[in-house]
Amino acid sequence: MELKQLPKIPAQSAYYLLVCSTGILLFILIGLYPQQASLSRLDEDIAGIRARIEEQKVLFPLYKELVGKVPKKNLEMRLDSNKTGLSIDQIDGIAIQFSKIAQECDLEATSVTPDVKSLANNSKSMSVHFVLKGDFLKFRRFLLELEKVPYLEHIEEIQIQETVGGKEFRLKTWFALSTQKSEQR
């Protein structure tokens, strides 16, 4: 039995084979693999979105039922046409006024502080900081009473902290100012 020897591959052909194989490998690693990884991530995102859509399909009838139970008057937006500004001479009594509102809601008004810095540069609004202590449901009632104040522009921030005597509520509110003096004096 005679063993046949394989023909020798010329060095130049081996070099071309190595260069071409490396080129193909680089094409796969640089071109195709990142695209495959990107497609995998997109498939995961699509699956997540489909799950959220299914969840919304299940929750939507419940939402419609709950909206139907809410009285229509609570859904209406409050009109801003009845808004008035706080006159300059009423600023002194603002702490007493809101302390009374807090007391009516069974809350302890620790401090009601108008922010003097917010009056700089002829500002048309003034910031007032409230610190109240009491029960959360009574605080809700306070917020509803505060919403009835005609010169309230908006509530910027509410912080709630647990304390020994209940909860402590910190509010930062903005009130509209009027350039006219009050007619009460």
N, C-alpha and C. Protein backbone atom coordinates (compact mmCIF):
# COMPACT_ATOMS: atom_id res chain seq x y z
N MET A 1 0.82 -1.15 0.00
CA MET A 1 0.00 0.00 0.00
C MET A 1 0.89 1.24 0.00
N GLU A 2 0.64 1.99 -0.89
CA GLU A 2 1.43 3.18 -1.07
C GLU A 2 0.68 4.38 -0.50
N LEU A 3 1.36 5.17 0.30
CA LEU A 3 0.76 6.38 0.84
C LEU A 3 1.00 7.52 -0.13
N LYS A 4 -0.08 8.13 -0.43
CA LYS A 4 0.05 9.27 -1.31
C LYS A 4 0.22 10.52 -0.46
N GLN A 5 1.09 11.30 -0.85
CA GLN A 5 1.33 12.55 -0.15
C GLN A 5 0.42 13.61 -0.74
N LEU A 6 -0.11 14.43 0.14
CA LEU A 6 -0.94 15.54 -0.32
C LEU A 6 -0.06 16.57 -1.00
N PRO A 7 -0.62 17.16 -1.99
CA PRO A 7 0.20 18.17 -2.66
C PRO A 7 0.45 19.34 -1.72
N LYS A 8 1.58 19.91 -1.81
CA LYS A 8 1.93 21.05 -0.97
C LYS A 8 1.19 22.28 -1.49
N ILE A 9 0.69 23.04 -0.51
CA ILE A 9 0.00 24.28 -0.85
C ILE A 9 1.06 25.36 -0.92
N PRO A 10 1.04 26.08 -1.99
CA PRO A 10 2.03 27.16 -2.10
C PRO A 10 1.82 28.18 -0.97
N ALA A 11 2.88 28.78 -0.52
CA ALA A 11 2.86 29.72 0.60
C ALA A 11 1.96 30.92 0.30
N GLN A 12 2.00 31.38 -0.94
CA GLN A 12 1.18 32.53 -1.30
C GLN A 12 -0.29 32.19 -1.21
N SER A 13 -0.71 31.02 -1.59
CA SER A 13 -2.10 30.59 -1.51
C SER A 13 -2.52 30.45 -0.05
N ALA A 14 -1.64 29.91 0.78
CA ALA A 14 -1.94 29.79 2.21
C ALA A 14 -2.13 31.18 2.82
N TYR A 15 -1.31 32.12 2.40
CA TYR A 15 -1.42 33.49 2.90
C TYR A 15 -2.75 34.10 2.47
N TYR A 16 -3.16 33.94 1.22
CA TYR A 16 -4.44 34.45 0.75
C TYR A 16 -5.60 33.81 1.49
N LEU A 17 -5.50 32.51 1.75
CA LEU A 17 -6.54 31.79 2.48
C LEU A 17 -6.66 32.35 3.90
N LEU A 18 -5.55 32.62 4.55
CA LEU A 18 -5.54 33.16 5.90
C LEU A 18 -6.13 34.57 5.92
N VAL A 19 -5.76 35.42 4.96
CA VAL A 19 -6.27 36.78 4.89
C VAL A 19 -7.78 36.78 4.64
N CYS A 20 -8.23 35.94 3.70
CA CYS A 20 -9.67 35.86 3.39
C CYS A 20 -10.46 35.33 4.57
N SER A 21 -9.95 34.32 5.25
CA SER A 21 -10.63 33.76 6.42
C SER A 21 -10.72 34.81 7.53
N THR A 22 -9.65 35.55 7.73
CA THR A 22 -9.66 36.62 8.74
C THR A 22 -10.66 37.70 8.35
N GLY A 23 -10.73 38.05 7.09
CA GLY A 23 -11.69 39.06 6.61
C GLY A 23 -13.12 38.62 6.85
N ILE A 24 -13.41 37.36 6.55
CA ILE A 24 -14.76 36.83 6.76
C ILE A 24 -15.10 36.82 8.24
N LEU A 25 -14.16 36.40 9.07
CA LEU A 25 -14.36 36.38 10.52
C LEU A 25 -14.60 37.79 11.06
N LEU A 26 -13.83 38.76 10.61
CA LEU A 26 -14.01 40.15 11.04
C LEU A 26 -15.36 40.69 10.59
N PHE A 27 -15.76 40.35 9.36
CA PHE A 27 -17.08 40.78 8.87
C PHE A 27 -18.19 40.24 9.77
N ILE A 28 -18.07 39.01 10.18
CA ILE A 28 -19.09 38.41 11.04
C ILE A 28 -19.08 39.08 12.41
N LEU A 29 -17.88 39.26 12.98
CA LEU A 29 -17.78 39.84 14.31
C LEU A 29 -18.18 41.31 14.34
N ILE A 30 -17.76 42.07 13.35
CA ILE A 30 -18.02 43.51 13.36
C ILE A 30 -19.37 43.85 12.74
N GLY A 31 -19.76 43.16 11.72
CA GLY A 31 -20.98 43.52 11.00
C GLY A 31 -22.22 42.79 11.46
N LEU A 32 -22.17 41.49 11.57
CA LEU A 32 -23.37 40.71 11.82
C LEU A 32 -23.70 40.53 13.30
N TYR A 33 -22.70 40.32 14.13
CA TYR A 33 -22.96 40.05 15.55
C TYR A 33 -23.64 41.23 16.26
N PRO A 34 -23.17 42.48 16.08
CA PRO A 34 -23.87 43.59 16.73
C PRO A 34 -25.30 43.75 16.24
N GLN A 35 -25.51 43.50 14.97
CA GLN A 35 -26.86 43.60 14.44
C GLN A 35 -27.77 42.54 15.07
N GLN A 36 -27.24 41.35 15.25
CA GLN A 36 -28.01 40.28 15.88
C GLN A 36 -28.33 40.63 17.33
N ALA A 37 -27.35 41.20 18.04
CA ALA A 37 -27.59 41.62 19.43
C ALA A 37 -28.63 42.72 19.49
N SER A 38 -28.56 43.67 18.55
CA SER A 38 -29.55 44.75 18.48
C SER A 38 -30.94 44.20 18.21
N LEU A 39 -31.04 43.25 17.31
CA LEU A 39 -32.34 42.62 17.03
C LEU A 39 -32.89 41.90 18.25
N SER A 40 -32.02 41.28 19.01
CA SER A 40 -32.46 40.59 20.23
C SER A 40 -33.04 41.58 21.24
N ARG A 41 -32.35 42.71 21.40
CA ARG A 41 -32.86 43.74 22.32
C ARG A 41 -34.20 44.29 21.84
N LEU A 42 -34.32 44.51 20.54
CA LEU A 42 -35.59 45.00 20.00
C LEU A 42 -36.71 44.00 20.20
N ASP A 43 -36.41 42.71 20.05
CA ASP A 43 -37.42 41.68 20.30
C ASP A 43 -37.87 41.70 21.75
N GLU A 44 -36.94 41.91 22.68
CA GLU A 44 -37.30 41.99 24.10
C GLU A 44 -38.17 43.22 24.37
N ASP A 45 -37.81 44.35 23.74
CA ASP A 45 -38.61 45.56 23.90
C ASP A 45 -40.02 45.36 23.35
N ILE A 46 -40.13 44.73 22.22
CA ILE A 46 -41.44 44.47 21.62
C ILE A 46 -42.28 43.57 22.53
N ALA A 47 -41.65 42.57 23.10
CA ALA A 47 -42.37 41.67 24.01
C ALA A 47 -42.86 42.44 25.24
N GLY A 48 -42.02 43.34 25.77
CA GLY A 48 -42.42 44.15 26.92
C GLY A 48 -43.57 45.08 26.60
N ILE A 49 -43.54 45.68 25.42
CA ILE A 49 -44.61 46.58 25.01
C ILE A 49 -45.90 45.81 24.78
N ARG A 50 -45.80 44.65 24.20
CA ARG A 50 -47.01 43.82 24.01
C ARG A 50 -47.62 43.45 25.35
N ALA A 51 -46.79 43.14 26.35
CA ALA A 51 -47.30 42.81 27.68
C ALA A 51 -48.00 44.02 28.29
N ARG A 52 -47.44 45.22 28.10
CA ARG A 52 -48.08 46.42 28.63
C ARG A 52 -49.40 46.70 27.94
N ILE A 53 -49.46 46.44 26.62
CA ILE A 53 -50.70 46.64 25.88
C ILE A 53 -51.78 45.69 26.39
N GLU A 54 -51.40 44.45 26.61
CA GLU A 54 -52.37 43.47 27.15
C GLU A 54 -52.86 43.90 28.53
N GLU A 55 -51.93 44.41 29.35
CA GLU A 55 -52.30 44.88 30.68
C GLU A 55 -53.29 46.03 30.58
N GLN A 56 -53.05 46.95 29.64
CA GLN A 56 -53.96 48.08 29.45
C GLN A 56 -55.32 47.62 28.95
N LYS A 57 -55.34 46.61 28.10
CA LYS A 57 -56.62 46.07 27.62
C LYS A 57 -57.44 45.50 28.77
N VAL A 58 -56.75 44.92 29.75
CA VAL A 58 -57.45 44.34 30.90
C VAL A 58 -57.92 45.45 31.84
N LEU A 59 -57.10 46.48 32.03
CA LEU A 59 -57.41 47.53 33.00
C LEU A 59 -58.37 48.60 32.47
N PHE A 60 -58.47 48.77 31.16
CA PHE A 60 -59.30 49.83 30.60
C PHE A 60 -60.77 49.72 31.00
N PRO A 61 -61.39 48.53 30.94
CA PRO A 61 -62.80 48.46 31.37
C PRO A 61 -62.97 48.86 32.84
N LEU A 62 -62.03 48.50 33.68
CA LEU A 62 -62.09 48.88 35.09
C LEU A 62 -61.98 50.40 35.23
N TYR A 63 -61.09 51.00 34.47
CA TYR A 63 -60.92 52.45 34.48
C TYR A 63 -62.23 53.15 34.06
N LYS A 64 -62.84 52.67 32.98
CA LYS A 64 -64.09 53.27 32.50
C LYS A 64 -65.18 53.15 33.55
N GLU A 65 -65.23 52.02 34.23
CA GLU A 65 -66.23 51.82 35.28
C GLU A 65 -66.01 52.80 36.43
N LEU A 66 -64.77 52.98 36.84
CA LEU A 66 -64.48 53.90 37.94
C LEU A 66 -64.74 55.35 37.55
N VAL A 67 -64.42 55.73 36.33
CA VAL A 67 -64.70 57.09 35.88
C VAL A 67 -66.20 57.32 35.83
N GLY A 68 -66.95 56.32 35.47
CA GLY A 68 -68.40 56.45 35.44
C GLY A 68 -69.01 56.65 36.81
N LYS A 69 -68.35 56.16 37.86
CA LYS A 69 -68.86 56.29 39.22
C LYS A 69 -68.55 57.65 39.85
N VAL A 70 -67.56 58.35 39.32
CA VAL A 70 -67.18 59.65 39.87
C VAL A 70 -68.19 60.69 39.42
N PRO A 71 -68.66 61.52 40.35
CA PRO A 71 -69.61 62.58 39.94
C PRO A 71 -68.96 63.54 38.95
N LYS A 72 -69.75 63.99 38.01
CA LYS A 72 -69.24 64.86 36.94
C LYS A 72 -68.70 66.18 37.48
N LYS A 73 -69.25 66.69 38.58
CA LYS A 73 -68.80 68.00 39.07
C LYS A 73 -67.35 67.93 39.57
N ASN A 74 -66.88 66.76 40.01
CA ASN A 74 -65.49 66.63 40.46
C ASN A 74 -64.52 66.59 39.29
N LEU A 75 -65.01 66.24 38.11
CA LEU A 75 -64.13 66.16 36.95
C LEU A 75 -63.93 67.49 36.27
N GLU A 76 -64.84 68.44 36.52
CA GLU A 76 -64.74 69.73 35.86
C GLU A 76 -63.57 70.52 36.43
N MET A 77 -62.87 71.21 35.56
CA MET A 77 -61.75 72.05 35.99
C MET A 77 -62.30 73.33 36.60
N ARG A 78 -61.58 73.81 37.60
CA ARG A 78 -61.96 75.06 38.23
C ARG A 78 -61.60 76.19 37.28
N LEU A 79 -62.53 77.10 37.09
CA LEU A 79 -62.28 78.22 36.19
C LEU A 79 -61.40 79.25 36.88
N ASP A 80 -60.44 79.78 36.17
CA ASP A 80 -59.53 80.77 36.72
C ASP A 80 -60.09 82.18 36.61
N SER A 81 -61.29 82.34 36.09
CA SER A 81 -61.85 83.67 35.90
C SER A 81 -62.19 84.32 37.24
N ASN A 82 -62.41 83.53 38.30
CA ASN A 82 -62.75 84.10 39.59
C ASN A 82 -61.51 84.35 40.45
N LYS A 83 -60.34 84.23 39.87
CA LYS A 83 -59.09 84.46 40.60
C LYS A 83 -58.90 85.95 40.82
N THR A 84 -58.47 86.28 42.02
CA THR A 84 -58.12 87.65 42.34
C THR A 84 -56.73 87.65 42.94
N GLY A 85 -56.16 88.81 43.03
CA GLY A 85 -54.83 88.92 43.62
C GLY A 85 -54.91 89.33 45.08
N LEU A 86 -53.91 88.96 45.83
CA LEU A 86 -53.77 89.32 47.23
C LEU A 86 -53.20 90.73 47.27
N SER A 87 -53.90 91.65 47.95
CA SER A 87 -53.40 93.02 48.00
C SER A 87 -52.21 93.10 48.93
N ILE A 88 -51.41 94.11 48.74
CA ILE A 88 -50.17 94.28 49.49
C ILE A 88 -50.43 94.38 51.00
N ASP A 89 -51.50 95.08 51.39
CA ASP A 89 -51.76 95.24 52.83
C ASP A 89 -52.38 94.00 53.46
N GLN A 90 -52.75 93.00 52.68
CA GLN A 90 -53.27 91.75 53.23
C GLN A 90 -52.16 90.75 53.53
N ILE A 91 -50.95 91.02 53.09
CA ILE A 91 -49.84 90.07 53.29
C ILE A 91 -49.57 89.85 54.77
N ASP A 92 -49.71 90.92 55.59
CA ASP A 92 -49.45 90.78 57.03
C ASP A 92 -50.39 89.78 57.69
N GLY A 93 -51.63 89.72 57.26
CA GLY A 93 -52.61 88.84 57.90
C GLY A 93 -52.69 87.44 57.32
N ILE A 94 -51.80 87.14 56.38
CA ILE A 94 -51.89 85.84 55.71
C ILE A 94 -51.61 84.69 56.67
N ALA A 95 -50.68 84.88 57.60
CA ALA A 95 -50.35 83.82 58.55
C ALA A 95 -51.53 83.52 59.45
N ILE A 96 -52.21 84.55 59.91
CA ILE A 96 -53.38 84.36 60.79
C ILE A 96 -54.51 83.68 60.03
N GLN A 97 -54.74 84.11 58.79
CA GLN A 97 -55.82 83.55 57.98
C GLN A 97 -55.62 82.06 57.75
N PHE A 98 -54.41 81.65 57.37
CA PHE A 98 -54.19 80.24 57.07
C PHE A 98 -54.03 79.40 58.34
N SER A 99 -53.64 80.02 59.43
CA SER A 99 -53.63 79.30 60.71
C SER A 99 -55.06 78.96 61.12
N LYS A 100 -56.00 79.89 60.85
CA LYS A 100 -57.42 79.62 61.14
C LYS A 100 -57.95 78.48 60.28
N ILE A 101 -57.57 78.50 58.99
CA ILE A 101 -58.01 77.41 58.10
C ILE A 101 -57.46 76.08 58.60
N ALA A 102 -56.20 76.05 59.01
CA ALA A 102 -55.60 74.82 59.53
C ALA A 102 -56.31 74.38 60.80
N GLN A 103 -56.65 75.34 61.67
CA GLN A 103 -57.33 75.01 62.92
C GLN A 103 -58.72 74.45 62.64
N GLU A 104 -59.42 75.01 61.66
CA GLU A 104 -60.74 74.50 61.28
C GLU A 104 -60.66 73.07 60.75
N CYS A 105 -59.51 72.72 60.17
CA CYS A 105 -59.31 71.36 59.63
C CYS A 105 -58.65 70.45 60.67
N ASP A 106 -58.58 70.89 61.91
CA ASP A 106 -57.97 70.11 63.01
C ASP A 106 -56.51 69.79 62.76
N LEU A 107 -55.79 70.75 62.22
CA LEU A 107 -54.35 70.63 62.03
C LEU A 107 -53.66 71.70 62.86
N GLU A 108 -52.43 71.42 63.23
CA GLU A 108 -51.64 72.40 63.96
C GLU A 108 -50.72 73.11 62.97
N ALA A 109 -50.90 74.42 62.86
CA ALA A 109 -50.06 75.21 61.95
C ALA A 109 -48.79 75.58 62.70
N THR A 110 -47.72 74.86 62.45
CA THR A 110 -46.44 75.14 63.10
C THR A 110 -45.87 76.45 62.61
N SER A 111 -45.92 76.68 61.30
CA SER A 111 -45.48 77.96 60.76
C SER A 111 -46.14 78.23 59.41
N VAL A 112 -46.42 79.51 59.21
CA VAL A 112 -46.92 80.01 57.93
C VAL A 112 -46.03 81.20 57.62
N THR A 113 -45.14 81.03 56.63
CA THR A 113 -44.11 82.03 56.39
C THR A 113 -44.15 82.53 54.95
N PRO A 114 -44.53 83.80 54.75
CA PRO A 114 -44.39 84.38 53.40
C PRO A 114 -42.91 84.55 53.08
N ASP A 115 -42.53 84.24 51.87
CA ASP A 115 -41.14 84.37 51.44
C ASP A 115 -40.92 85.76 50.86
N VAL A 116 -40.22 86.60 51.62
CA VAL A 116 -40.00 87.98 51.21
C VAL A 116 -39.17 88.05 49.93
N LYS A 117 -38.27 87.11 49.75
CA LYS A 117 -37.42 87.11 48.56
C LYS A 117 -38.23 86.95 47.28
N SER A 118 -39.37 86.30 47.38
CA SER A 118 -40.18 86.11 46.17
C SER A 118 -40.86 87.40 45.72
N LEU A 119 -40.85 88.43 46.57
CA LEU A 119 -41.45 89.71 46.21
C LEU A 119 -40.50 90.63 45.44
N ALA A 120 -39.28 90.20 45.28
CA ALA A 120 -38.28 91.03 44.60
C ALA A 120 -38.64 91.21 43.13
N ASN A 121 -38.12 92.28 42.54
CA ASN A 121 -38.28 92.56 41.11
C ASN A 121 -39.73 92.73 40.69
N ASN A 122 -40.54 93.34 41.53
CA ASN A 122 -41.96 93.59 41.21
C ASN A 122 -42.69 92.33 40.76
N SER A 123 -42.50 91.27 41.49
CA SER A 123 -43.11 89.98 41.15
C SER A 123 -44.62 90.07 41.25
N LYS A 124 -45.30 89.33 40.42
CA LYS A 124 -46.76 89.29 40.46
C LYS A 124 -47.28 88.15 41.31
N SER A 125 -46.38 87.42 41.96
CA SER A 125 -46.79 86.35 42.87
C SER A 125 -45.83 86.27 44.04
N MET A 126 -46.30 85.63 45.11
CA MET A 126 -45.54 85.53 46.35
C MET A 126 -45.56 84.07 46.82
N SER A 127 -44.43 83.61 47.29
CA SER A 127 -44.32 82.26 47.81
C SER A 127 -44.62 82.26 49.30
N VAL A 128 -45.37 81.26 49.75
CA VAL A 128 -45.68 81.09 51.17
C VAL A 128 -45.40 79.65 51.54
N HIS A 129 -44.63 79.47 52.63
CA HIS A 129 -44.29 78.14 53.11
C HIS A 129 -45.16 77.80 54.32
N PHE A 130 -45.75 76.61 54.30
CA PHE A 130 -46.57 76.14 55.41
C PHE A 130 -45.89 74.93 56.04
N VAL A 131 -45.95 74.83 57.37
CA VAL A 131 -45.57 73.61 58.08
C VAL A 131 -46.74 73.27 58.98
N LEU A 132 -47.35 72.11 58.74
CA LEU A 132 -48.53 71.69 59.49
C LEU A 132 -48.28 70.32 60.11
N LYS A 133 -48.96 70.04 61.21
CA LYS A 133 -48.88 68.72 61.84
C LYS A 133 -50.29 68.20 62.03
N GLY A 134 -50.44 66.89 61.85
CA GLY A 134 -51.75 66.29 62.06
C GLY A 134 -51.95 65.04 61.25
N ASP A 135 -53.21 64.70 61.02
CA ASP A 135 -53.62 63.49 60.33
C ASP A 135 -53.68 63.74 58.82
N PHE A 136 -53.41 62.69 58.05
CA PHE A 136 -53.36 62.82 56.59
C PHE A 136 -54.72 63.20 56.02
N LEU A 137 -55.81 62.62 56.52
CA LEU A 137 -57.14 62.94 55.99
C LEU A 137 -57.53 64.38 56.30
N LYS A 138 -57.08 64.89 57.44
CA LYS A 138 -57.34 66.29 57.77
C LYS A 138 -56.51 67.21 56.88
N PHE A 139 -55.32 66.75 56.51
CA PHE A 139 -54.50 67.51 55.58
C PHE A 139 -55.17 67.59 54.22
N ARG A 140 -55.80 66.52 53.82
CA ARG A 140 -56.55 66.52 52.56
C ARG A 140 -57.64 67.57 52.60
N ARG A 141 -58.35 67.63 53.72
CA ARG A 141 -59.40 68.64 53.88
C ARG A 141 -58.81 70.06 53.83
N PHE A 142 -57.62 70.23 54.42
CA PHE A 142 -56.93 71.52 54.37
C PHE A 142 -56.62 71.90 52.92
N LEU A 143 -56.15 70.94 52.13
CA LEU A 143 -55.84 71.22 50.72
C LEU A 143 -57.08 71.63 49.95
N LEU A 144 -58.21 70.98 50.25
CA LEU A 144 -59.46 71.36 49.59
C LEU A 144 -59.88 72.78 49.98
N GLU A 145 -59.70 73.14 51.25
CA GLU A 145 -60.01 74.50 51.69
C GLU A 145 -59.04 75.50 51.06
N LEU A 146 -57.78 75.11 50.96
CA LEU A 146 -56.77 75.98 50.37
C LEU A 146 -57.09 76.25 48.90
N GLU A 147 -57.64 75.27 48.22
CA GLU A 147 -58.00 75.42 46.81
C GLU A 147 -59.12 76.45 46.62
N LYS A 148 -59.90 76.70 47.66
CA LYS A 148 -60.99 77.68 47.57
C LYS A 148 -60.49 79.12 47.68
N VAL A 149 -59.26 79.29 48.12
CA VAL A 149 -58.70 80.64 48.27
C VAL A 149 -58.56 81.25 46.87
N PRO A 150 -59.16 82.42 46.63
CA PRO A 150 -59.19 82.95 45.26
C PRO A 150 -57.84 83.40 44.72
N TYR A 151 -56.88 83.70 45.57
CA TYR A 151 -55.58 84.17 45.07
C TYR A 151 -54.51 83.09 45.05
N LEU A 152 -54.88 81.84 45.27
CA LEU A 152 -53.93 80.73 45.15
C LEU A 152 -53.62 80.49 43.68
N GLU A 153 -52.33 80.58 43.33
CA GLU A 153 -51.93 80.27 41.95
C GLU A 153 -51.70 78.78 41.80
N HIS A 154 -50.79 78.24 42.61
CA HIS A 154 -50.53 76.80 42.57
C HIS A 154 -49.74 76.36 43.79
N ILE A 155 -49.76 75.07 44.02
CA ILE A 155 -48.95 74.46 45.08
C ILE A 155 -47.74 73.86 44.38
N GLU A 156 -46.57 74.35 44.74
CA GLU A 156 -45.35 73.92 44.05
C GLU A 156 -44.81 72.62 44.62
N GLU A 157 -44.87 72.47 45.93
CA GLU A 157 -44.20 71.32 46.54
C GLU A 157 -44.94 70.91 47.80
N ILE A 158 -45.04 69.59 48.01
CA ILE A 158 -45.60 69.04 49.24
C ILE A 158 -44.63 67.98 49.73
N GLN A 159 -44.23 68.09 50.99
CA GLN A 159 -43.38 67.08 51.62
C GLN A 159 -44.12 66.55 52.83
N ILE A 160 -44.11 65.22 52.99
CA ILE A 160 -44.78 64.58 54.12
C ILE A 160 -43.73 63.77 54.87
N GLN A 161 -43.64 64.03 56.18
CA GLN A 161 -42.69 63.30 57.01
C GLN A 161 -43.41 62.72 58.21
N GLU A 162 -43.02 61.54 58.60
CA GLU A 162 -43.57 60.89 59.78
C GLU A 162 -42.90 61.47 61.02
N THR A 163 -43.70 61.90 62.01
CA THR A 163 -43.16 62.40 63.27
C THR A 163 -43.83 61.66 64.42
N VAL A 164 -43.41 61.98 65.63
CA VAL A 164 -43.95 61.30 66.81
C VAL A 164 -45.43 61.61 66.99
N GLY A 165 -45.84 62.85 66.76
CA GLY A 165 -47.23 63.24 66.97
C GLY A 165 -48.11 63.06 65.75
N GLY A 166 -47.70 62.32 64.77
CA GLY A 166 -48.48 62.13 63.54
C GLY A 166 -47.60 62.39 62.33
N LYS A 167 -48.13 63.18 61.43
CA LYS A 167 -47.37 63.51 60.22
C LYS A 167 -47.11 65.01 60.19
N GLU A 168 -45.99 65.37 59.57
CA GLU A 168 -45.66 66.77 59.37
C GLU A 168 -45.73 67.05 57.87
N PHE A 169 -46.47 68.08 57.52
CA PHE A 169 -46.69 68.44 56.12
C PHE A 169 -46.02 69.78 55.85
N ARG A 170 -45.20 69.81 54.80
CA ARG A 170 -44.54 71.06 54.38
C ARG A 170 -45.03 71.38 52.98
N LEU A 171 -45.54 72.59 52.81
CA LEU A 171 -46.07 73.03 51.52
C LEU A 171 -45.35 74.29 51.09
N LYS A 172 -45.13 74.40 49.81
CA LYS A 172 -44.65 75.64 49.21
C LYS A 172 -45.70 76.03 48.19
N THR A 173 -46.35 77.16 48.45
CA THR A 173 -47.44 77.62 47.59
C THR A 173 -47.10 78.98 47.00
N TRP A 174 -47.81 79.32 45.94
CA TRP A 174 -47.65 80.62 45.30
C TRP A 174 -49.01 81.30 45.23
N PHE A 175 -49.04 82.57 45.66
CA PHE A 175 -50.26 83.36 45.65
C PHE A 175 -50.10 84.55 44.71
N ALA A 176 -51.16 84.84 43.99
CA ALA A 176 -51.16 85.98 43.07
C ALA A 176 -51.24 87.27 43.88
N LEU A 177 -50.54 88.28 43.43
CA LEU A 177 -50.55 89.58 44.10
C LEU A 177 -51.28 90.60 43.25
N SER A 178 -51.90 91.55 43.92
CA SER A 178 -52.57 92.64 43.25
C SER A 178 -51.85 93.93 43.64
N THR A 179 -51.82 94.88 42.75
CA THR A 179 -51.15 96.15 43.06
C THR A 179 -52.08 97.09 43.79
N GLN A 180 -53.35 96.74 43.87
CA GLN A 180 -54.32 97.61 44.53
C GLN A 180 -54.37 97.34 46.02
N LYS A 181 -54.77 98.34 46.77
CA LYS A 181 -54.94 98.18 48.22
C LYS A 181 -56.30 97.54 48.47
N SER A 182 -56.40 96.86 49.61
CA SER A 182 -57.65 96.20 49.94
C SER A 182 -58.69 97.24 50.34
N GLU A 183 -59.97 96.91 50.13
CA GLU A 183 -61.07 97.81 50.44
C GLU A 183 -61.60 97.58 51.85
N GLN A 184 -61.03 96.65 52.60
CA GLN A 184 -61.55 96.28 53.92
C GLN A 184 -61.22 97.32 54.97
N ARG A 185 -60.16 98.09 54.83
CA ARG A 185 -59.71 99.00 55.91
C ARG A 185 -60.48 100.23 55.91
